[in-house]
Amino acid sequence: MRYDVDIYTCANADVSKQVTHFTRKASVAKASRVVNKTNVSAVTIESATVTDEEKPMIKGMTQPGLTPDQTVDAKVLFAEMKNVVPPSPKPLSEARGL
């Protein structure tokens, strides 16, 4: 199965807490704009359609929502699953080797 997710990479746990608060109430763009106001690299957001093999942090998720925070290389990561993409052939733009 594939999942439509936003993956947040935060500079530290405090930034993660701020972003989590904004994701529940506002859009991804607003969260990024507000949090990155003082430090441009405080949070980066990657939107993608991925499998749980590509991003193990979403393994076991079956419903939309937020994953728990995970610390990797002194950064805090979490993902917001928007929806589960039904099984279908990958479009050419997502195929490997292109």
PDB file of N, CA and C in Angstrom:
ATOM      1  N   MET A   1       0.832  -1.178   0.000  1.00  0.00           N
ATOM      2  CA  MET A   1       0.000   0.000   0.000  1.00  0.00           C
ATOM      3  C   MET A   1       0.874   1.238   0.000  1.00  0.00           C
ATOM      4  N   ARG A   2       0.295   2.301  -0.525  1.00  0.00           N
ATOM      5  CA  ARG A   2       0.999   3.576  -0.547  1.00  0.00           C
ATOM      6  C   ARG A   2       0.204   4.590   0.265  1.00  0.00           C
ATOM      7  N   TYR A   3       0.924   5.577   0.769  1.00  0.00           N
ATOM      8  CA  TYR A   3       0.324   6.561   1.647  1.00  0.00           C
ATOM      9  C   TYR A   3       0.684   7.966   1.177  1.00  0.00           C
ATOM     10  N   ASP A   4      -0.277   8.870   1.260  1.00  0.00           N
ATOM     11  CA  ASP A   4      -0.055  10.280   0.964  1.00  0.00           C
ATOM     12  C   ASP A   4       0.317  10.944   2.284  1.00  0.00           C
ATOM     13  N   VAL A   5       1.588  11.384   2.424  1.00  0.00           N
ATOM     14  CA  VAL A   5       2.075  11.895   3.703  1.00  0.00           C
ATOM     15  C   VAL A   5       2.825  13.215   3.546  1.00  0.00           C
ATOM     16  N   ASP A   6       2.879  13.951   4.651  1.00  0.00           N
ATOM     17  CA  ASP A   6       3.777  15.087   4.810  1.00  0.00           C
ATOM     18  C   ASP A   6       4.767  14.670   5.882  1.00  0.00           C
ATOM     19  N   ILE A   7       6.062  14.738   5.578  1.00  0.00           N
ATOM     20  CA  ILE A   7       7.093  14.358   6.530  1.00  0.00           C
ATOM     21  C   ILE A   7       7.780  15.636   7.009  1.00  0.00           C
ATOM     22  N   TYR A   8       7.746  15.848   8.303  1.00  0.00           N
ATOM     23  CA  TYR A   8       8.295  17.046   8.924  1.00  0.00           C
ATOM     24  C   TYR A   8       9.639  16.717   9.562  1.00  0.00           C
ATOM     25  N   THR A   9      10.662  17.506   9.239  1.00  0.00           N
ATOM     26  CA  THR A   9      11.975  17.387   9.863  1.00  0.00           C
ATOM     27  C   THR A   9      12.204  18.665  10.650  1.00  0.00           C
ATOM     28  N   CYS A  10      12.236  18.545  11.974  1.00  0.00           N
ATOM     29  CA  CYS A  10      12.335  19.706  12.861  1.00  0.00           C
ATOM     30  C   CYS A  10      13.719  19.770  13.494  1.00  0.00           C
ATOM     31  N   ALA A  11      14.169  20.991  13.795  1.00  0.00           N
ATOM     32  CA  ALA A  11      15.494  21.194  14.380  1.00  0.00           C
ATOM     33  C   ALA A  11      15.603  20.609  15.777  1.00  0.00           C
ATOM     34  N   ASN A  12      14.504  20.646  16.545  1.00  0.00           N
ATOM     35  CA  ASN A  12      14.533  20.110  17.908  1.00  0.00           C
ATOM     36  C   ASN A  12      13.107  19.814  18.381  1.00  0.00           C
ATOM     37  N   ALA A  13      12.973  19.344  19.610  1.00  0.00           N
ATOM     38  CA  ALA A  13      11.667  18.948  20.141  1.00  0.00           C
ATOM     39  C   ALA A  13      10.733  20.135  20.321  1.00  0.00           C
ATOM     40  N   ASP A  14      11.272  21.305  20.659  1.00  0.00           N
ATOM     41  CA  ASP A  14      10.428  22.493  20.815  1.00  0.00           C
ATOM     42  C   ASP A  14       9.779  22.890  19.490  1.00  0.00           C
ATOM     43  N   VAL A  15      10.550  22.852  18.420  1.00  0.00           N
ATOM     44  CA  VAL A  15      10.016  23.163  17.086  1.00  0.00           C
ATOM     45  C   VAL A  15       8.972  22.126  16.698  1.00  0.00           C
ATOM     46  N   SER A  16       9.248  20.868  17.011  1.00  0.00           N
ATOM     47  CA  SER A  16       8.297  19.798  16.714  1.00  0.00           C
ATOM     48  C   SER A  16       6.960  20.045  17.412  1.00  0.00           C
ATOM     49  N   LYS A  17       7.019  20.476  18.662  1.00  0.00           N
ATOM     50  CA  LYS A  17       5.798  20.752  19.421  1.00  0.00           C
ATOM     51  C   LYS A  17       5.001  21.889  18.780  1.00  0.00           C
ATOM     52  N   GLN A  18       5.706  22.946  18.323  1.00  0.00           N
ATOM     53  CA  GLN A  18       5.042  24.069  17.656  1.00  0.00           C
ATOM     54  C   GLN A  18       4.375  23.619  16.359  1.00  0.00           C
ATOM     55  N   VAL A  19       5.108  22.851  15.566  1.00  0.00           N
ATOM     56  CA  VAL A  19       4.586  22.398  14.275  1.00  0.00           C
ATOM     57  C   VAL A  19       3.386  21.476  14.477  1.00  0.00           C
ATOM     58  N   THR A  20       3.472  20.589  15.452  1.00  0.00           N
ATOM     59  CA  THR A  20       2.351  19.695  15.746  1.00  0.00           C
ATOM     60  C   THR A  20       1.109  20.496  16.100  1.00  0.00           C
ATOM     61  N   HIS A  21       1.282  21.543  16.872  1.00  0.00           N
ATOM     62  CA  HIS A  21       0.161  22.417  17.241  1.00  0.00           C
ATOM     63  C   HIS A  21      -0.455  23.052  15.989  1.00  0.00           C
ATOM     64  N   PHE A  22       0.385  23.545  15.067  1.00  0.00           N
ATOM     65  CA  PHE A  22      -0.114  24.193  13.860  1.00  0.00           C
ATOM     66  C   PHE A  22      -0.762  23.212  12.891  1.00  0.00           C
ATOM     67  N   THR A  23      -0.250  21.986  12.802  1.00  0.00           N
ATOM     68  CA  THR A  23      -0.820  21.034  11.840  1.00  0.00           C
ATOM     69  C   THR A  23      -2.245  20.659  12.203  1.00  0.00           C
ATOM     70  N   ARG A  24      -2.588  20.752  13.469  1.00  0.00           N
ATOM     71  CA  ARG A  24      -3.952  20.434  13.884  1.00  0.00           C
ATOM     72  C   ARG A  24      -4.926  21.566  13.578  1.00  0.00           C
ATOM     73  N   LYS A  25      -4.416  22.802  13.479  1.00  0.00           N
ATOM     74  CA  LYS A  25      -5.304  23.950  13.333  1.00  0.00           C
ATOM     75  C   LYS A  25      -5.175  24.690  12.004  1.00  0.00           C
ATOM     76  N   ALA A  26      -4.040  24.576  11.335  1.00  0.00           N
ATOM     77  CA  ALA A  26      -3.796  25.389  10.143  1.00  0.00           C
ATOM     78  C   ALA A  26      -3.196  24.534   9.032  1.00  0.00           C
ATOM     79  N   SER A  27      -2.881  25.183   7.943  1.00  0.00           N
ATOM     80  CA  SER A  27      -2.316  24.484   6.787  1.00  0.00           C
ATOM     81  C   SER A  27      -0.821  24.261   6.963  1.00  0.00           C
ATOM     82  N   VAL A  28      -0.273  23.410   6.129  1.00  0.00           N
ATOM     83  CA  VAL A  28       1.155  23.105   6.150  1.00  0.00           C
ATOM     84  C   VAL A  28       1.964  24.362   5.837  1.00  0.00           C
ATOM     85  N   ALA A  29       1.520  25.145   4.870  1.00  0.00           N
ATOM     86  CA  ALA A  29       2.241  26.352   4.481  1.00  0.00           C
ATOM     87  C   ALA A  29       2.297  27.359   5.633  1.00  0.00           C
ATOM     88  N   LYS A  30       1.193  27.519   6.344  1.00  0.00           N
ATOM     89  CA  LYS A  30       1.171  28.463   7.456  1.00  0.00           C
ATOM     90  C   LYS A  30       2.080  27.986   8.582  1.00  0.00           C
ATOM     91  N   ALA A  31       2.060  26.709   8.871  1.00  0.00           N
ATOM     92  CA  ALA A  31       2.927  26.155   9.912  1.00  0.00           C
ATOM     93  C   ALA A  31       4.389  26.423   9.577  1.00  0.00           C
ATOM     94  N   SER A  32       4.775  26.163   8.347  1.00  0.00           N
ATOM     95  CA  SER A  32       6.154  26.378   7.919  1.00  0.00           C
ATOM     96  C   SER A  32       6.515  27.861   7.985  1.00  0.00           C
ATOM     97  N   ARG A  33       5.643  28.712   7.518  1.00  0.00           N
ATOM     98  CA  ARG A  33       5.903  30.156   7.488  1.00  0.00           C
ATOM     99  C   ARG A  33       6.085  30.720   8.902  1.00  0.00           C
ATOM    100  N   VAL A  34       5.227  30.338   9.832  1.00  0.00           N
ATOM    101  CA  VAL A  34       5.291  30.862  11.194  1.00  0.00           C
ATOM    102  C   VAL A  34       6.517  30.330  11.933  1.00  0.00           C
ATOM    103  N   VAL A  35       6.763  29.036  11.857  1.00  0.00           N
ATOM    104  CA  VAL A  35       7.872  28.436  12.594  1.00  0.00           C
ATOM    105  C   VAL A  35       9.220  28.861  12.012  1.00  0.00           C
ATOM    106  N   ASN A  36       9.306  28.998  10.704  1.00  0.00           N
ATOM    107  CA  ASN A  36      10.571  29.371  10.060  1.00  0.00           C
ATOM    108  C   ASN A  36      10.815  30.873  10.044  1.00  0.00           C
ATOM    109  N   LYS A  37      10.001  31.654  10.729  1.00  0.00           N
ATOM    110  CA  LYS A  37      10.150  33.110  10.722  1.00  0.00           C
ATOM    111  C   LYS A  37      11.498  33.538  11.309  1.00  0.00           C
ATOM    112  N   THR A  38      11.918  32.924  12.410  1.00  0.00           N
ATOM    113  CA  THR A  38      13.172  33.309  13.053  1.00  0.00           C
ATOM    114  C   THR A  38      14.361  32.467  12.589  1.00  0.00           C
ATOM    115  N   ASN A  39      14.117  31.220  12.208  1.00  0.00           N
ATOM    116  CA  ASN A  39      15.192  30.329  11.768  1.00  0.00           C
ATOM    117  C   ASN A  39      14.701  29.584  10.527  1.00  0.00           C
ATOM    118  N   VAL A  40      15.294  29.888   9.397  1.00  0.00           N
ATOM    119  CA  VAL A  40      14.821  29.344   8.119  1.00  0.00           C
ATOM    120  C   VAL A  40      14.884  27.824   8.064  1.00  0.00           C
ATOM    121  N   SER A  41      15.823  27.229   8.773  1.00  0.00           N
ATOM    122  CA  SER A  41      15.962  25.774   8.724  1.00  0.00           C
ATOM    123  C   SER A  41      15.345  25.083   9.942  1.00  0.00           C
ATOM    124  N   ALA A  42      14.432  25.736  10.636  1.00  0.00           N
ATOM    125  CA  ALA A  42      13.810  25.132  11.821  1.00  0.00           C
ATOM    126  C   ALA A  42      12.972  23.921  11.450  1.00  0.00           C
ATOM    127  N   VAL A  43      12.261  23.994  10.322  1.00  0.00           N
ATOM    128  CA  VAL A  43      11.449  22.858   9.889  1.00  0.00           C
ATOM    129  C   VAL A  43      11.456  22.776   8.366  1.00  0.00           C
ATOM    130  N   THR A  44      11.571  21.549   7.858  1.00  0.00           N
ATOM    131  CA  THR A  44      11.404  21.309   6.427  1.00  0.00           C
ATOM    132  C   THR A  44      10.276  20.300   6.271  1.00  0.00           C
ATOM    133  N   ILE A  45       9.502  20.478   5.220  1.00  0.00           N
ATOM    134  CA  ILE A  45       8.333  19.632   4.989  1.00  0.00           C
ATOM    135  C   ILE A  45       8.441  19.000   3.617  1.00  0.00           C
ATOM    136  N   GLU A  46       8.303  17.684   3.590  1.00  0.00           N
ATOM    137  CA  GLU A  46       8.334  16.924   2.333  1.00  0.00           C
ATOM    138  C   GLU A  46       6.979  16.254   2.152  1.00  0.00           C
ATOM    139  N   SER A  47       6.294  16.591   1.065  1.00  0.00           N
ATOM    140  CA  SER A  47       5.020  15.948   0.739  1.00  0.00           C
ATOM    141  C   SER A  47       5.287  14.896  -0.327  1.00  0.00           C
ATOM    142  N   ALA A  48       4.785  13.680  -0.097  1.00  0.00           N
ATOM    143  CA  ALA A  48       5.062  12.598  -1.038  1.00  0.00           C
ATOM    144  C   ALA A  48       4.050  11.475  -0.893  1.00  0.00           C
ATOM    145  N   THR A  49       4.018  10.629  -1.902  1.00  0.00           N
ATOM    146  CA  THR A  49       3.268   9.384  -1.848  1.00  0.00           C
ATOM    147  C   THR A  49       4.313   8.287  -1.734  1.00  0.00           C
ATOM    148  N   VAL A  50       4.300   7.580  -0.595  1.00  0.00           N
ATOM    149  CA  VAL A  50       5.354   6.609  -0.298  1.00  0.00           C
ATOM    150  C   VAL A  50       4.766   5.300   0.205  1.00  0.00           C
ATOM    151  N   THR A  51       5.602   4.265   0.218  1.00  0.00           N
ATOM    152  CA  THR A  51       5.232   2.988   0.828  1.00  0.00           C
ATOM    153  C   THR A  51       5.885   2.924   2.201  1.00  0.00           C
ATOM    154  N   ASP A  52       5.447   1.986   3.031  1.00  0.00           N
ATOM    155  CA  ASP A  52       6.063   1.864   4.349  1.00  0.00           C
ATOM    156  C   ASP A  52       7.476   1.293   4.270  1.00  0.00           C
ATOM    157  N   GLU A  53       7.853   0.679   3.141  1.00  0.00           N
ATOM    158  CA  GLU A  53       9.229   0.248   2.958  1.00  0.00           C
ATOM    159  C   GLU A  53      10.133   1.439   2.687  1.00  0.00           C
ATOM    160  N   GLU A  54       9.625   2.446   1.991  1.00  0.00           N
ATOM    161  CA  GLU A  54      10.414   3.646   1.698  1.00  0.00           C
ATOM    162  C   GLU A  54      10.583   4.526   2.939  1.00  0.00           C
ATOM    163  N   LYS A  55       9.567   4.623   3.746  1.00  0.00           N
ATOM    164  CA  LYS A  55       9.593   5.430   4.969  1.00  0.00           C
ATOM    165  C   LYS A  55       9.103   4.580   6.130  1.00  0.00           C
ATOM    166  N   PRO A  56       9.994   3.875   6.813  1.00  0.00           N
ATOM    167  CA  PRO A  56       9.586   2.961   7.884  1.00  0.00           C
ATOM    168  C   PRO A  56       8.844   3.640   9.030  1.00  0.00           C
ATOM    169  N   MET A  57       8.954   4.960   9.165  1.00  0.00           N
ATOM    170  CA  MET A  57       8.284   5.655  10.263  1.00  0.00           C
ATOM    171  C   MET A  57       6.761   5.566  10.177  1.00  0.00           C
ATOM    172  N   ILE A  58       6.219   5.246   8.987  1.00  0.00           N
ATOM    173  CA  ILE A  58       4.760   5.147   8.846  1.00  0.00           C
ATOM    174  C   ILE A  58       4.260   3.711   8.896  1.00  0.00           C
ATOM    175  N   LYS A  59       5.171   2.781   9.114  1.00  0.00           N
ATOM    176  CA  LYS A  59       4.788   1.361   9.162  1.00  0.00           C
ATOM    177  C   LYS A  59       3.768   1.138  10.274  1.00  0.00           C
ATOM    178  N   GLY A  60       2.711   0.448   9.957  1.00  0.00           N
ATOM    179  CA  GLY A  60       1.684   0.133  10.941  1.00  0.00           C
ATOM    180  C   GLY A  60       0.549   1.148  11.000  1.00  0.00           C
ATOM    181  N   MET A  61       0.674   2.278  10.325  1.00  0.00           N
ATOM    182  CA  MET A  61      -0.414   3.260  10.333  1.00  0.00           C
ATOM    183  C   MET A  61      -1.505   2.806   9.370  1.00  0.00           C
ATOM    184  N   THR A  62      -2.737   2.889   9.801  1.00  0.00           N
ATOM    185  CA  THR A  62      -3.852   2.492   8.948  1.00  0.00           C
ATOM    186  C   THR A  62      -4.867   3.602   8.770  1.00  0.00           C
ATOM    187  N   GLN A  63      -4.764   4.656   9.575  1.00  0.00           N
ATOM    188  CA  GLN A  63      -5.702   5.767   9.494  1.00  0.00           C
ATOM    189  C   GLN A  63      -4.931   7.078   9.420  1.00  0.00           C
ATOM    190  N   PRO A  64      -5.545   8.111   8.827  1.00  0.00           N
ATOM    191  CA  PRO A  64      -4.891   9.417   8.792  1.00  0.00           C
ATOM    192  C   PRO A  64      -4.592   9.929  10.202  1.00  0.00           C
ATOM    193  N   GLY A  65      -3.482  10.651  10.323  1.00  0.00           N
ATOM    194  CA  GLY A  65      -3.093  11.211  11.608  1.00  0.00           C
ATOM    195  C   GLY A  65      -1.596  11.421  11.685  1.00  0.00           C
ATOM    196  N   LEU A  66      -1.114  11.747  12.881  1.00  0.00           N
ATOM    197  CA  LEU A  66       0.302  12.023  13.110  1.00  0.00           C
ATOM    198  C   LEU A  66       1.012  10.813  13.707  1.00  0.00           C
ATOM    199  N   THR A  67       2.256  10.613  13.299  1.00  0.00           N
ATOM    200  CA  THR A  67       3.085   9.576  13.909  1.00  0.00           C
ATOM    201  C   THR A  67       3.757  10.161  15.150  1.00  0.00           C
ATOM    202  N   PRO A  68       4.231   9.319  16.039  1.00  0.00           N
ATOM    203  CA  PRO A  68       5.010   9.827  17.185  1.00  0.00           C
ATOM    204  C   PRO A  68       6.331  10.433  16.702  1.00  0.00           C
ATOM    205  N   ASP A  69       6.879  11.354  17.495  1.00  0.00           N
ATOM    206  CA  ASP A  69       8.178  11.947  17.168  1.00  0.00           C
ATOM    207  C   ASP A  69       9.275  10.896  17.220  1.00  0.00           C
ATOM    208  N   GLN A  70      10.224  11.011  16.282  1.00  0.00           N
ATOM    209  CA  GLN A  70      11.390  10.132  16.256  1.00  0.00           C
ATOM    210  C   GLN A  70      12.631  11.006  16.123  1.00  0.00           C
ATOM    211  N   THR A  71      13.641  10.747  16.930  1.00  0.00           N
ATOM    212  CA  THR A  71      14.883  11.509  16.861  1.00  0.00           C
ATOM    213  C   THR A  71      15.872  10.772  15.966  1.00  0.00           C
ATOM    214  N   VAL A  72      16.343  11.466  14.920  1.00  0.00           N
ATOM    215  CA  VAL A  72      17.300  10.904  13.971  1.00  0.00           C
ATOM    216  C   VAL A  72      18.347  11.970  13.678  1.00  0.00           C
ATOM    217  N   ASP A  73      19.610  11.663  13.928  1.00  0.00           N
ATOM    218  CA  ASP A  73      20.718  12.598  13.670  1.00  0.00           C
ATOM    219  C   ASP A  73      20.479  13.970  14.296  1.00  0.00           C
ATOM    220  N   ALA A  74      20.073  14.000  15.553  1.00  0.00           N
ATOM    221  CA  ALA A  74      19.841  15.230  16.330  1.00  0.00           C
ATOM    222  C   ALA A  74      18.683  16.070  15.794  1.00  0.00           C
ATOM    223  N   LYS A  75      17.860  15.510  14.944  1.00  0.00           N
ATOM    224  CA  LYS A  75      16.665  16.190  14.451  1.00  0.00           C
ATOM    225  C   LYS A  75      15.448  15.363  14.847  1.00  0.00           C
ATOM    226  N   VAL A  76      14.310  16.016  14.927  1.00  0.00           N
ATOM    227  CA  VAL A  76      13.075  15.336  15.298  1.00  0.00           C
ATOM    228  C   VAL A  76      12.210  15.209  14.052  1.00  0.00           C
ATOM    229  N   LEU A  77      11.787  13.987  13.744  1.00  0.00           N
ATOM    230  CA  LEU A  77      10.953  13.745  12.574  1.00  0.00           C
ATOM    231  C   LEU A  77       9.604  13.198  13.001  1.00  0.00           C
ATOM    232  N   PHE A  78       8.567  13.602  12.268  1.00  0.00           N
ATOM    233  CA  PHE A  78       7.260  12.972  12.400  1.00  0.00           C
ATOM    234  C   PHE A  78       6.542  13.127  11.076  1.00  0.00           C
ATOM    235  N   ALA A  79       5.524  12.328  10.867  1.00  0.00           N
ATOM    236  CA  ALA A  79       4.791  12.351   9.604  1.00  0.00           C
ATOM    237  C   ALA A  79       3.308  12.542   9.880  1.00  0.00           C
ATOM    238  N   GLU A  80       2.649  13.186   8.935  1.00  0.00           N
ATOM    239  CA  GLU A  80       1.200  13.328   8.974  1.00  0.00           C
ATOM    240  C   GLU A  80       0.639  12.578   7.775  1.00  0.00           C
ATOM    241  N   MET A  81      -0.067  11.477   8.038  1.00  0.00           N
ATOM    242  CA  MET A  81      -0.673  10.726   6.952  1.00  0.00           C
ATOM    243  C   MET A  81      -2.006  11.374   6.592  1.00  0.00           C
ATOM    244  N   LYS A  82      -2.131  11.739   5.322  1.00  0.00           N
ATOM    245  CA  LYS A  82      -3.378  12.352   4.861  1.00  0.00           C
ATOM    246  C   LYS A  82      -4.394  11.292   4.461  1.00  0.00           C
ATOM    247  N   ASN A  83      -3.948  10.311   3.685  1.00  0.00           N
ATOM    248  CA  ASN A  83      -4.846   9.221   3.306  1.00  0.00           C
ATOM    249  C   ASN A  83      -4.063   8.039   2.755  1.00  0.00           C
ATOM    250  N   VAL A  84      -4.749   6.923   2.663  1.00  0.00           N
ATOM    251  CA  VAL A  84      -4.179   5.700   2.095  1.00  0.00           C
ATOM    252  C   VAL A  84      -4.551   5.681   0.620  1.00  0.00           C
ATOM    253  N   VAL A  85      -3.552   5.523  -0.234  1.00  0.00           N
ATOM    254  CA  VAL A  85      -3.776   5.486  -1.678  1.00  0.00           C
ATOM    255  C   VAL A  85      -4.098   4.049  -2.059  1.00  0.00           C
ATOM    256  N   PRO A  86      -5.248   3.807  -2.695  1.00  0.00           N
ATOM    257  CA  PRO A  86      -5.594   2.437  -3.073  1.00  0.00           C
ATOM    258  C   PRO A  86      -4.560   1.844  -4.038  1.00  0.00           C
ATOM    259  N   PRO A  87      -4.388   0.531  -4.019  1.00  0.00           N
ATOM    260  CA  PRO A  87      -3.428  -0.099  -4.924  1.00  0.00           C
ATOM    261  C   PRO A  87      -3.727   0.243  -6.386  1.00  0.00           C
ATOM    262  N   SER A  88      -2.700   0.683  -7.070  1.00  0.00           N
ATOM    263  CA  SER A  88      -2.800   1.023  -8.490  1.00  0.00           C
ATOM    264  C   SER A  88      -1.383   1.084  -9.045  1.00  0.00           C
ATOM    265  N   PRO A  89      -1.240   1.017 -10.357  1.00  0.00           N
ATOM    266  CA  PRO A  89       0.099   1.143 -10.927  1.00  0.00           C
ATOM    267  C   PRO A  89       0.661   2.528 -10.640  1.00  0.00           C
ATOM    268  N   LYS A  90       1.971   2.590 -10.398  1.00  0.00           N
ATOM    269  CA  LYS A  90       2.610   3.881 -10.160  1.00  0.00           C
ATOM    270  C   LYS A  90       2.613   4.685 -11.450  1.00  0.00           C
ATOM    271  N   PRO A  91       2.401   5.983 -11.350  1.00  0.00           N
ATOM    272  CA  PRO A  91       2.529   6.801 -12.558  1.00  0.00           C
ATOM    273  C   PRO A  91       3.990   6.866 -12.996  1.00  0.00           C
ATOM    274  N   LEU A  92       4.234   7.200 -14.222  1.00  0.00           N
ATOM    275  CA  LEU A  92       5.573   7.228 -14.784  1.00  0.00           C
ATOM    276  C   LEU A  92       6.480   8.161 -13.992  1.00  0.00           C
ATOM    277  N   SER A  93       5.947   9.261 -13.460  1.00  0.00           N
ATOM    278  CA  SER A  93       6.763  10.209 -12.720  1.00  0.00           C
ATOM    279  C   SER A  93       7.297   9.647 -11.400  1.00  0.00           C
ATOM    280  N   GLU A  94       6.674   8.591 -10.857  1.00  0.00           N
ATOM    281  CA  GLU A  94       7.114   7.976  -9.612  1.00  0.00           C
ATOM    282  C   GLU A  94       7.942   6.714  -9.840  1.00  0.00           C
ATOM    283  N   ALA A  95       8.041   6.261 -11.069  1.00  0.00           N
ATOM    284  CA  ALA A  95       8.774   5.026 -11.356  1.00  0.00           C
ATOM    285  C   ALA A  95      10.259   5.234 -11.151  1.00  0.00           C
ATOM    286  N   ARG A  96      10.927   4.225 -10.626  1.00  0.00           N
ATOM    287  CA  ARG A  96      12.371   4.316 -10.390  1.00  0.00           C
ATOM    288  C   ARG A  96      13.131   4.286 -11.707  1.00  0.00           C
ATOM    289  N   GLY A  97      14.279   4.923 -11.694  1.00  0.00           N
ATOM    290  CA  GLY A  97      15.147   4.893 -12.856  1.00  0.00           C
ATOM    291  C   GLY A  97      14.874   6.004 -13.850  1.00  0.00           C
ATOM    292  N   LEU A  98      13.934   6.848 -13.559  1.00  0.00           N
ATOM    293  CA  LEU A  98      13.658   7.972 -14.464  1.00  0.00           C
ATOM    294  C   LEU A  98      14.041   9.279 -13.852  1.00  0.00           C
TER     295      LEU A  98
END
